[in-house]
Amino acid sequence: MSKVTLQAIIIWVLLAFAVCAVTYPFNRKGRLSDNAFIALPLLAFYLGFTLTITIIERIPSPEAKYQLVVFWSYKAIQAGRTDLIAEVFWNYILFIPIGILLALLLPSKRSWIAVIIGMLMSAGIELTQLYLHRGLFEFDDIIHNTLGTIIGVMLFVIVRKIVFLIKSRFEYRKEL
């Protein structure tokens, strides 16, 4: 994994503040929901982080690296490459926040769009890595990142339902 620098963190924070500055007038005038006003800067920050660790901070190799066999990482793990367990795990974890933030931005009946966006983002990162020779292009990463997005969306939906149930109980108690 690449090294995260203080300079990169400052850029992510500035990016998030810039998104806040741009979206604030829309939020004040009621054209942008509070959820979107919160989620957009967080998404900007997190996308900066994701692009930094997956592309920007990586050292280019002389030639493009790719692995076109689907689920090669699981086969390699079974063959004894235990170092890949952490890589697979972090590929899931990396896109959970993206699933949560995209689900927060979308109407509840359109959460599935977050999964498509997450998959397209992952494919974009992989293709950029291939083109710029910064990392290994692999279908496994796209699959793992997409599953991470699905987990994030599911977590958001579960938390939203729990919050709705809690609010309903409090409102019911107020009526008594």
Protein backbone atom coordinates (compact mmCIF):
# COMPACT_ATOMS: atom_id res chain seq x y z
CA MET A 1 0.00 0.00 0.00
CA SER A 2 1.19 3.49 -0.74
CA LYS A 3 2.23 6.09 1.80
CA VAL A 4 -0.26 8.82 2.71
CA THR A 5 1.41 12.20 3.16
CA LEU A 6 0.37 15.26 5.14
CA GLN A 7 0.26 17.16 1.86
CA ALA A 8 -2.32 14.68 0.51
CA ILE A 9 -4.47 15.00 3.64
CA ILE A 10 -4.40 18.80 3.37
CA ILE A 11 -5.52 18.55 -0.26
CA TRP A 12 -8.43 16.25 0.71
CA VAL A 13 -9.53 18.63 3.46
CA LEU A 14 -9.31 21.62 1.11
CA LEU A 15 -11.30 19.69 -1.48
CA ALA A 16 -14.00 18.93 1.11
CA PHE A 17 -14.10 22.61 2.18
CA ALA A 18 -14.35 23.70 -1.46
CA VAL A 19 -17.34 21.41 -1.94
CA CYS A 20 -18.89 22.87 1.23
CA ALA A 21 -18.37 26.40 -0.06
CA VAL A 22 -19.94 25.56 -3.42
CA THR A 23 -22.91 23.65 -2.00
CA TYR A 24 -23.69 25.93 0.97
CA PRO A 25 -25.71 28.51 -1.01
CA PHE A 26 -27.78 25.72 -2.56
CA ASN A 27 -28.42 24.21 0.87
CA ARG A 28 -29.41 27.57 2.33
CA LYS A 29 -31.90 28.21 -0.46
CA GLY A 30 -33.43 24.77 0.01
CA ARG A 31 -32.20 23.43 -3.33
CA LEU A 32 -29.89 20.90 -1.67
CA SER A 33 -30.93 18.60 1.16
CA ASP A 34 -29.07 18.52 4.46
CA ASN A 35 -28.08 14.92 3.69
CA ALA A 36 -26.48 15.98 0.41
CA PHE A 37 -24.81 18.97 2.06
CA ILE A 38 -23.15 16.60 4.53
CA ALA A 39 -22.46 13.72 2.13
CA LEU A 40 -20.95 15.66 -0.78
CA PRO A 41 -17.92 17.08 1.11
CA LEU A 42 -17.35 13.72 2.81
CA LEU A 43 -17.53 12.01 -0.57
CA ALA A 44 -15.07 14.53 -2.05
CA PHE A 45 -12.67 13.91 0.86
CA TYR A 46 -12.99 10.15 0.56
CA LEU A 47 -12.60 10.13 -3.22
CA GLY A 48 -9.40 12.15 -2.81
CA PHE A 49 -8.18 9.59 -0.31
CA THR A 50 -9.14 6.67 -2.55
CA LEU A 51 -7.49 8.13 -5.65
CA THR A 52 -4.35 8.93 -3.65
CA ILE A 53 -3.84 5.41 -2.32
CA THR A 54 -4.89 3.63 -5.51
CA ILE A 55 -3.23 5.80 -8.18
CA ILE A 56 -1.51 9.08 -7.25
CA GLU A 57 0.99 7.89 -4.62
CA ARG A 58 1.90 4.70 -6.47
CA ILE A 59 5.21 4.42 -8.26
CA PRO A 60 4.77 3.69 -11.96
CA SER A 61 6.21 0.48 -13.35
CA PRO A 62 7.94 0.25 -16.74
CA GLU A 63 5.11 -1.80 -18.22
CA ALA A 64 1.42 -2.32 -17.56
CA LYS A 65 0.60 -5.07 -15.07
CA TYR A 66 -2.64 -7.00 -15.27
CA GLN A 67 -4.28 -10.19 -14.10
CA LEU A 68 -7.21 -11.21 -16.28
CA VAL A 69 -8.14 -14.42 -14.46
CA VAL A 70 -11.25 -13.85 -12.35
CA PHE A 71 -10.83 -14.87 -8.68
CA TRP A 72 -7.11 -15.46 -9.14
CA SER A 73 -6.50 -14.00 -5.68
CA TYR A 74 -8.61 -16.70 -4.00
CA LYS A 75 -6.75 -19.41 -5.90
CA ALA A 76 -3.44 -17.83 -4.87
CA ILE A 77 -4.59 -17.66 -1.23
CA GLN A 78 -5.50 -21.35 -1.34
CA ALA A 79 -2.05 -22.03 -2.77
CA GLY A 80 -0.43 -20.34 0.24
CA ARG A 81 -0.25 -16.62 -0.66
CA THR A 82 -1.66 -15.50 2.69
CA ASP A 83 -0.39 -11.94 2.05
CA LEU A 84 -3.31 -11.53 -0.35
CA ILE A 85 -5.88 -12.03 2.42
CA ALA A 86 -5.29 -8.50 3.72
CA GLU A 87 -5.40 -7.07 0.18
CA VAL A 88 -8.76 -8.71 -0.51
CA PHE A 89 -10.09 -7.54 2.86
CA TRP A 90 -8.99 -3.92 2.30
CA ASN A 91 -10.51 -3.89 -1.18
CA TYR A 92 -13.89 -4.67 0.41
CA ILE A 93 -13.39 -2.11 3.19
CA LEU A 94 -12.21 0.65 0.84
CA PHE A 95 -15.57 0.98 -0.90
CA ILE A 96 -17.93 0.58 2.10
CA PRO A 97 -17.86 4.35 2.82
CA ILE A 98 -18.53 5.06 -0.85
CA GLY A 99 -21.63 2.84 -0.69
CA ILE A 100 -22.82 4.61 2.47
CA LEU A 101 -22.24 8.13 1.11
CA LEU A 102 -23.78 7.41 -2.28
CA ALA A 103 -26.83 5.83 -0.62
CA LEU A 104 -27.15 8.94 1.54
CA LEU A 105 -27.21 11.09 -1.61
CA LEU A 106 -29.77 8.99 -3.49
CA PRO A 107 -33.50 8.58 -2.87
CA SER A 108 -34.20 5.44 -0.82
CA LYS A 109 -35.75 3.58 -3.75
CA ARG A 110 -32.69 4.29 -5.91
CA SER A 111 -29.95 2.85 -3.63
CA TRP A 112 -29.10 0.29 -6.31
CA ILE A 113 -27.68 3.15 -8.40
CA ALA A 114 -24.97 3.52 -5.73
CA VAL A 115 -23.81 -0.02 -6.53
CA ILE A 116 -23.53 0.79 -10.24
CA ILE A 117 -21.63 4.00 -9.49
CA GLY A 118 -19.30 2.14 -7.12
CA MET A 119 -18.62 -0.52 -9.75
CA LEU A 120 -17.94 2.13 -12.41
CA MET A 121 -15.63 4.01 -10.03
CA SER A 122 -13.70 0.83 -9.31
CA ALA A 123 -13.44 -0.03 -13.00
CA GLY A 124 -12.24 3.52 -13.67
CA ILE A 125 -9.54 3.20 -11.03
CA GLU A 126 -8.42 -0.16 -12.41
CA LEU A 127 -8.31 1.12 -15.99
CA THR A 128 -6.38 4.20 -14.87
CA GLN A 129 -3.89 1.98 -13.04
CA LEU A 130 -3.48 -0.07 -16.23
CA TYR A 131 -3.04 2.99 -18.45
CA LEU A 132 -0.64 4.81 -16.09
CA HIS A 133 1.22 1.61 -15.07
CA ARG A 134 0.42 2.30 -11.41
CA GLY A 135 -0.69 -0.94 -9.86
CA LEU A 136 -2.16 -4.18 -11.04
CA PHE A 137 -5.31 -4.17 -13.17
CA GLU A 138 -7.49 -7.03 -12.01
CA PHE A 139 -11.12 -8.00 -12.17
CA ASP A 140 -10.93 -9.25 -8.58
CA ASP A 141 -10.47 -5.67 -7.32
CA ILE A 142 -13.53 -4.52 -9.26
CA ILE A 143 -15.56 -7.39 -7.78
CA HIS A 144 -14.28 -6.75 -4.23
CA ASN A 145 -14.84 -2.99 -4.47
CA THR A 146 -18.36 -3.53 -5.83
CA LEU A 147 -19.13 -5.94 -2.99
CA GLY A 148 -17.78 -3.32 -0.57
CA THR A 149 -20.17 -0.78 -2.11
CA ILE A 150 -23.05 -3.24 -1.66
CA ILE A 151 -22.09 -3.75 1.99
CA GLY A 152 -22.01 0.05 2.47
CA VAL A 153 -25.44 0.47 0.88
CA MET A 154 -26.85 -2.37 3.00
CA LEU A 155 -25.40 -0.88 6.19
CA PHE A 156 -26.94 2.49 5.31
CA VAL A 157 -30.35 0.92 4.62
CA ILE A 158 -30.24 -1.03 7.89
CA VAL A 159 -29.26 2.04 9.92
CA ARG A 160 -31.95 4.12 8.19
CA LYS A 161 -34.58 1.49 9.10
CA ILE A 162 -33.39 1.36 12.70
CA VAL A 163 -33.53 5.17 12.95
CA PHE A 164 -37.03 5.13 11.43
CA LEU A 165 -38.18 2.52 13.98
CA ILE A 166 -36.72 4.48 16.88
CA LYS A 167 -38.35 7.69 15.68
CA SER A 168 -41.66 5.88 15.25
CA ARG A 169 -41.51 4.55 18.81
CA PHE A 170 -40.78 7.99 20.25
CA GLU A 171 -43.62 9.53 18.24
CA TYR A 172 -45.97 6.75 19.40
CA ARG A 173 -45.00 7.36 23.05
CA LYS A 174 -45.61 11.11 22.63
CA GLU A 175 -49.15 10.38 21.44
CA LEU A 176 -49.95 8.38 24.57
